[in-house]
Amino acid sequence: MNAQLEWSGRGACRAVDPDTLFVQGQEQNRAKSVCLGCQVRTECLAYALDNREEFGVWGGMTERERRALLRRRPTVTSWRGLLETARSEHDEPGEGEGEQVPASGF
C-alpha cells in the first residue's frame, strides 16, 4: 500500500460504503459523523488537504470546508506537518495547562 495511505486501513470509514462519504447537501453531515472519534482523522484530513482532494468528506471536513481552509491558509506547504504538530501540542499540555474546568465554566 502507498506509504501516504498506510493509515487508511485504520479509519472509521473502512466499515462503510465509500459512496457514503461522497454525497451532497445535508447528507454531508451524516457523512462527517463517520469521522467523529476516528483514530486517523488528522492523517486523513492532512492527506486530503496536501493532495487537494476535490470531492467527498475527508477527516471530518467537506470539500467546501477544505477549500475555505486552503484559501485562508495559502502559505501552508505541508498540512500533515502542521496538523501533526498541532495535535502533539494539544495532546501534551504545557505547564499550567491541562487542568480540568467544570462543564459549567466555573
N, C-alpha and C. Protein backbone atom coordinates (compact mmCIF):
# COMPACT_ATOMS: atom_id res chain seq x y z
N MET A 1 0.85 -1.19 0.00
CA MET A 1 0.00 0.00 0.00
C MET A 1 0.89 1.24 0.00
N ASN A 2 0.43 2.26 -0.65
CA ASN A 2 1.13 3.54 -0.71
C ASN A 2 1.41 4.02 0.71
N ALA A 3 2.65 4.42 0.98
CA ALA A 3 3.03 4.88 2.32
C ALA A 3 2.18 6.05 2.78
N GLN A 4 1.74 6.89 1.83
CA GLN A 4 0.89 8.03 2.19
C GLN A 4 -0.46 7.58 2.71
N LEU A 5 -0.88 6.38 2.37
CA LEU A 5 -2.22 5.91 2.74
C LEU A 5 -2.19 4.77 3.74
N GLU A 6 -1.05 4.47 4.36
CA GLU A 6 -0.97 3.36 5.29
C GLU A 6 -1.95 3.49 6.45
N TRP A 7 -2.33 4.69 6.78
CA TRP A 7 -3.27 4.95 7.87
C TRP A 7 -4.70 4.57 7.51
N SER A 8 -5.02 4.50 6.24
CA SER A 8 -6.41 4.37 5.80
C SER A 8 -7.07 3.07 6.27
N GLY A 9 -6.30 2.03 6.48
CA GLY A 9 -6.86 0.77 6.96
C GLY A 9 -7.35 0.83 8.39
N ARG A 10 -7.00 1.88 9.11
CA ARG A 10 -7.44 2.06 10.49
C ARG A 10 -8.57 3.08 10.62
N GLY A 11 -9.04 3.61 9.50
CA GLY A 11 -10.07 4.63 9.51
C GLY A 11 -11.44 4.08 9.89
N ALA A 12 -12.22 4.92 10.54
CA ALA A 12 -13.59 4.53 10.91
C ALA A 12 -14.42 4.26 9.66
N CYS A 13 -14.05 4.86 8.56
CA CYS A 13 -14.81 4.71 7.31
C CYS A 13 -14.57 3.38 6.62
N ARG A 14 -13.60 2.61 7.09
CA ARG A 14 -13.30 1.35 6.41
C ARG A 14 -14.49 0.39 6.44
N ALA A 15 -15.41 0.60 7.38
CA ALA A 15 -16.56 -0.29 7.53
C ALA A 15 -17.81 0.24 6.83
N VAL A 16 -17.71 1.36 6.12
CA VAL A 16 -18.89 1.91 5.45
C VAL A 16 -18.68 1.90 3.94
N ASP A 17 -19.76 1.96 3.23
CA ASP A 17 -19.71 2.05 1.77
C ASP A 17 -19.04 3.37 1.40
N PRO A 18 -18.00 3.34 0.57
CA PRO A 18 -17.30 4.58 0.21
C PRO A 18 -18.22 5.66 -0.36
N ASP A 19 -19.30 5.25 -1.03
CA ASP A 19 -20.24 6.23 -1.58
C ASP A 19 -20.88 7.08 -0.49
N THR A 20 -20.88 6.58 0.74
CA THR A 20 -21.44 7.31 1.88
C THR A 20 -20.70 8.63 2.10
N LEU A 21 -19.42 8.67 1.75
CA LEU A 21 -18.58 9.84 2.00
C LEU A 21 -18.55 10.82 0.83
N PHE A 22 -19.17 10.45 -0.27
CA PHE A 22 -19.17 11.30 -1.46
C PHE A 22 -20.61 11.67 -1.80
N VAL A 23 -21.16 12.53 -0.96
CA VAL A 23 -22.55 12.95 -1.05
C VAL A 23 -22.62 14.47 -1.06
N GLN A 24 -23.83 14.99 -1.25
CA GLN A 24 -24.01 16.44 -1.28
C GLN A 24 -25.08 16.86 -0.29
N GLY A 25 -25.12 18.16 -0.02
CA GLY A 25 -26.16 18.73 0.83
C GLY A 25 -26.15 18.20 2.25
N GLN A 26 -27.35 18.02 2.80
CA GLN A 26 -27.50 17.60 4.20
C GLN A 26 -26.86 16.25 4.47
N GLU A 27 -26.75 15.41 3.46
CA GLU A 27 -26.15 14.09 3.64
C GLU A 27 -24.69 14.21 4.08
N GLN A 28 -24.07 15.35 3.82
CA GLN A 28 -22.68 15.53 4.23
C GLN A 28 -22.53 15.52 5.74
N ASN A 29 -23.54 16.01 6.46
CA ASN A 29 -23.46 15.98 7.93
C ASN A 29 -23.44 14.55 8.44
N ARG A 30 -24.22 13.68 7.82
CA ARG A 30 -24.19 12.27 8.20
C ARG A 30 -22.84 11.67 7.87
N ALA A 31 -22.31 12.03 6.71
CA ALA A 31 -21.00 11.52 6.30
C ALA A 31 -19.91 11.98 7.27
N LYS A 32 -19.99 13.24 7.70
CA LYS A 32 -18.99 13.76 8.64
C LYS A 32 -19.06 13.03 9.98
N SER A 33 -20.23 12.55 10.35
CA SER A 33 -20.37 11.86 11.64
C SER A 33 -19.57 10.56 11.67
N VAL A 34 -19.30 9.99 10.51
CA VAL A 34 -18.46 8.78 10.44
C VAL A 34 -17.08 9.09 11.00
N CYS A 35 -16.62 10.31 10.81
CA CYS A 35 -15.26 10.71 11.20
C CYS A 35 -15.12 11.00 12.70
N LEU A 36 -16.24 11.21 13.38
CA LEU A 36 -16.17 11.54 14.80
C LEU A 36 -15.48 10.41 15.56
N GLY A 37 -14.46 10.74 16.29
CA GLY A 37 -13.74 9.75 17.09
C GLY A 37 -12.80 8.85 16.30
N CYS A 38 -12.66 9.09 15.01
CA CYS A 38 -11.77 8.26 14.19
C CYS A 38 -10.32 8.49 14.62
N GLN A 39 -9.59 7.40 14.77
CA GLN A 39 -8.21 7.50 15.24
C GLN A 39 -7.24 8.05 14.20
N VAL A 40 -7.64 8.10 12.94
CA VAL A 40 -6.75 8.63 11.90
C VAL A 40 -7.34 9.86 11.21
N ARG A 41 -8.21 10.56 11.90
CA ARG A 41 -8.87 11.73 11.33
C ARG A 41 -7.85 12.78 10.88
N THR A 42 -6.84 13.03 11.69
CA THR A 42 -5.82 14.03 11.35
C THR A 42 -5.06 13.64 10.08
N GLU A 43 -4.64 12.38 9.99
CA GLU A 43 -3.91 11.91 8.82
C GLU A 43 -4.77 12.00 7.56
N CYS A 44 -6.04 11.66 7.71
CA CYS A 44 -6.98 11.71 6.60
C CYS A 44 -7.18 13.13 6.09
N LEU A 45 -7.41 14.05 7.01
CA LEU A 45 -7.60 15.45 6.63
C LEU A 45 -6.33 16.00 6.00
N ALA A 46 -5.18 15.70 6.59
CA ALA A 46 -3.92 16.19 6.04
C ALA A 46 -3.70 15.66 4.62
N TYR A 47 -4.01 14.39 4.41
CA TYR A 47 -3.87 13.81 3.07
C TYR A 47 -4.74 14.56 2.06
N ALA A 48 -6.00 14.80 2.44
CA ALA A 48 -6.93 15.49 1.54
C ALA A 48 -6.46 16.91 1.23
N LEU A 49 -5.97 17.61 2.24
CA LEU A 49 -5.50 18.98 2.04
C LEU A 49 -4.21 19.02 1.22
N ASP A 50 -3.26 18.16 1.56
CA ASP A 50 -1.99 18.14 0.84
C ASP A 50 -2.16 17.72 -0.61
N ASN A 51 -3.15 16.88 -0.89
CA ASN A 51 -3.36 16.37 -2.25
C ASN A 51 -4.51 17.06 -2.96
N ARG A 52 -5.05 18.10 -2.32
CA ARG A 52 -6.14 18.90 -2.91
C ARG A 52 -7.29 18.02 -3.40
N GLU A 53 -7.70 17.08 -2.53
CA GLU A 53 -8.85 16.23 -2.87
C GLU A 53 -10.05 17.12 -3.06
N GLU A 54 -10.69 17.02 -4.20
CA GLU A 54 -11.79 17.92 -4.53
C GLU A 54 -13.15 17.44 -4.04
N PHE A 55 -13.30 16.14 -3.87
CA PHE A 55 -14.63 15.61 -3.59
C PHE A 55 -14.64 14.76 -2.32
N GLY A 56 -15.80 14.74 -1.68
CA GLY A 56 -16.01 13.85 -0.55
C GLY A 56 -15.67 14.46 0.79
N VAL A 57 -16.04 13.73 1.82
CA VAL A 57 -15.71 14.10 3.20
C VAL A 57 -14.42 13.37 3.56
N TRP A 58 -13.45 14.13 4.01
CA TRP A 58 -12.14 13.59 4.42
C TRP A 58 -11.80 14.21 5.77
N GLY A 59 -11.45 13.40 6.72
CA GLY A 59 -11.04 13.91 8.03
C GLY A 59 -12.09 14.78 8.69
N GLY A 60 -13.35 14.53 8.38
CA GLY A 60 -14.43 15.27 9.01
C GLY A 60 -14.75 16.61 8.37
N MET A 61 -14.17 16.88 7.20
CA MET A 61 -14.45 18.15 6.52
C MET A 61 -14.97 17.89 5.11
N THR A 62 -15.94 18.70 4.72
CA THR A 62 -16.49 18.62 3.36
C THR A 62 -15.54 19.30 2.40
N GLU A 63 -15.80 19.11 1.12
CA GLU A 63 -14.96 19.79 0.12
C GLU A 63 -15.04 21.29 0.26
N ARG A 64 -16.21 21.83 0.57
CA ARG A 64 -16.36 23.28 0.73
C ARG A 64 -15.54 23.76 1.93
N GLU A 65 -15.59 23.04 3.03
CA GLU A 65 -14.83 23.42 4.22
C GLU A 65 -13.32 23.36 3.95
N ARG A 66 -12.89 22.35 3.21
CA ARG A 66 -11.46 22.24 2.89
C ARG A 66 -11.02 23.37 1.96
N ARG A 67 -11.84 23.68 0.97
CA ARG A 67 -11.48 24.80 0.07
C ARG A 67 -11.35 26.10 0.85
N ALA A 68 -12.28 26.35 1.78
CA ALA A 68 -12.22 27.57 2.58
C ALA A 68 -10.94 27.60 3.42
N LEU A 69 -10.58 26.48 4.00
CA LEU A 69 -9.36 26.40 4.81
C LEU A 69 -8.13 26.64 3.94
N LEU A 70 -8.10 26.06 2.76
CA LEU A 70 -6.97 26.28 1.85
C LEU A 70 -6.85 27.75 1.44
N ARG A 71 -7.99 28.40 1.24
CA ARG A 71 -7.96 29.83 0.89
C ARG A 71 -7.47 30.67 2.06
N ARG A 72 -7.87 30.31 3.28
CA ARG A 72 -7.44 31.08 4.46
C ARG A 72 -5.97 30.89 4.77
N ARG A 73 -5.40 29.75 4.41
CA ARG A 73 -4.01 29.45 4.75
C ARG A 73 -3.21 29.05 3.50
N PRO A 74 -3.08 29.95 2.53
CA PRO A 74 -2.44 29.59 1.25
C PRO A 74 -0.95 29.30 1.36
N THR A 75 -0.31 29.71 2.44
CA THR A 75 1.14 29.52 2.55
C THR A 75 1.53 28.19 3.17
N VAL A 76 0.57 27.41 3.62
CA VAL A 76 0.90 26.11 4.23
C VAL A 76 1.39 25.17 3.13
N THR A 77 2.59 24.64 3.32
CA THR A 77 3.15 23.73 2.32
C THR A 77 2.98 22.27 2.72
N SER A 78 2.81 21.99 4.01
CA SER A 78 2.58 20.62 4.48
C SER A 78 1.51 20.63 5.56
N TRP A 79 0.30 20.27 5.16
CA TRP A 79 -0.78 20.18 6.13
C TRP A 79 -0.53 19.05 7.11
N ARG A 80 0.10 17.99 6.64
CA ARG A 80 0.40 16.87 7.53
C ARG A 80 1.30 17.34 8.67
N GLY A 81 2.35 18.06 8.32
CA GLY A 81 3.26 18.57 9.35
C GLY A 81 2.56 19.52 10.30
N LEU A 82 1.78 20.43 9.75
CA LEU A 82 1.07 21.41 10.57
C LEU A 82 0.08 20.73 11.52
N LEU A 83 -0.73 19.82 10.98
CA LEU A 83 -1.75 19.17 11.80
C LEU A 83 -1.15 18.22 12.83
N GLU A 84 -0.07 17.53 12.48
CA GLU A 84 0.58 16.64 13.45
C GLU A 84 1.21 17.44 14.58
N THR A 85 1.80 18.58 14.25
CA THR A 85 2.37 19.45 15.28
C THR A 85 1.28 19.97 16.20
N ALA A 86 0.19 20.42 15.62
CA ALA A 86 -0.93 20.93 16.42
C ALA A 86 -1.50 19.84 17.31
N ARG A 87 -1.62 18.62 16.78
CA ARG A 87 -2.15 17.51 17.58
C ARG A 87 -1.22 17.18 18.74
N SER A 88 0.08 17.14 18.48
CA SER A 88 1.01 16.80 19.56
C SER A 88 1.02 17.89 20.63
N GLU A 89 0.89 19.15 20.22
CA GLU A 89 0.83 20.23 21.20
C GLU A 89 -0.45 20.16 22.01
N HIS A 90 -1.53 19.76 21.38
CA HIS A 90 -2.82 19.63 22.07
C HIS A 90 -2.80 18.43 23.03
N ASP A 91 -2.17 17.34 22.61
CA ASP A 91 -2.14 16.12 23.42
C ASP A 91 -1.19 16.22 24.60
N GLU A 92 -0.21 17.13 24.53
CA GLU A 92 0.77 17.28 25.59
C GLU A 92 0.68 18.69 26.17
N PRO A 93 -0.24 18.91 27.13
CA PRO A 93 -0.39 20.25 27.70
C PRO A 93 0.89 20.71 28.39
N GLY A 94 1.16 22.00 28.25
CA GLY A 94 2.33 22.60 28.89
C GLY A 94 2.06 22.91 30.35
N GLU A 95 3.01 23.54 30.98
CA GLU A 95 2.90 23.89 32.39
C GLU A 95 1.69 24.80 32.61
N GLY A 96 0.88 24.46 33.60
CA GLY A 96 -0.29 25.27 33.93
C GLY A 96 -1.50 24.94 33.08
N GLU A 97 -1.28 24.12 32.06
CA GLU A 97 -2.39 23.70 31.22
C GLU A 97 -2.83 22.32 31.66
N GLY A 98 -3.92 21.88 31.14
CA GLY A 98 -4.35 20.52 31.40
C GLY A 98 -5.27 20.40 32.61
N GLU A 99 -5.50 21.49 33.32
CA GLU A 99 -6.44 21.43 34.44
C GLU A 99 -7.83 21.30 33.89
N GLN A 100 -8.62 20.48 34.55
CA GLN A 100 -9.99 20.28 34.11
C GLN A 100 -10.88 21.42 34.59
N VAL A 101 -11.65 21.96 33.69
CA VAL A 101 -12.60 23.03 34.01
C VAL A 101 -13.97 22.39 34.03
N PRO A 102 -14.75 22.58 35.09
CA PRO A 102 -16.09 22.01 35.11
C PRO A 102 -16.91 22.49 33.91
N ALA A 103 -17.85 21.65 33.49
CA ALA A 103 -18.67 21.96 32.32
C ALA A 103 -19.40 23.29 32.47
N SER A 104 -19.67 23.71 33.70
CA SER A 104 -20.36 24.97 33.90
C SER A 104 -19.48 26.16 33.58
N GLY A 105 -18.16 25.93 33.49
CA GLY A 105 -17.23 27.01 33.16
C GLY A 105 -16.73 27.74 34.39
N PHE A 106 -17.10 27.29 35.57
CA PHE A 106 -16.65 27.93 36.81
C PHE A 106 -15.64 27.09 37.53
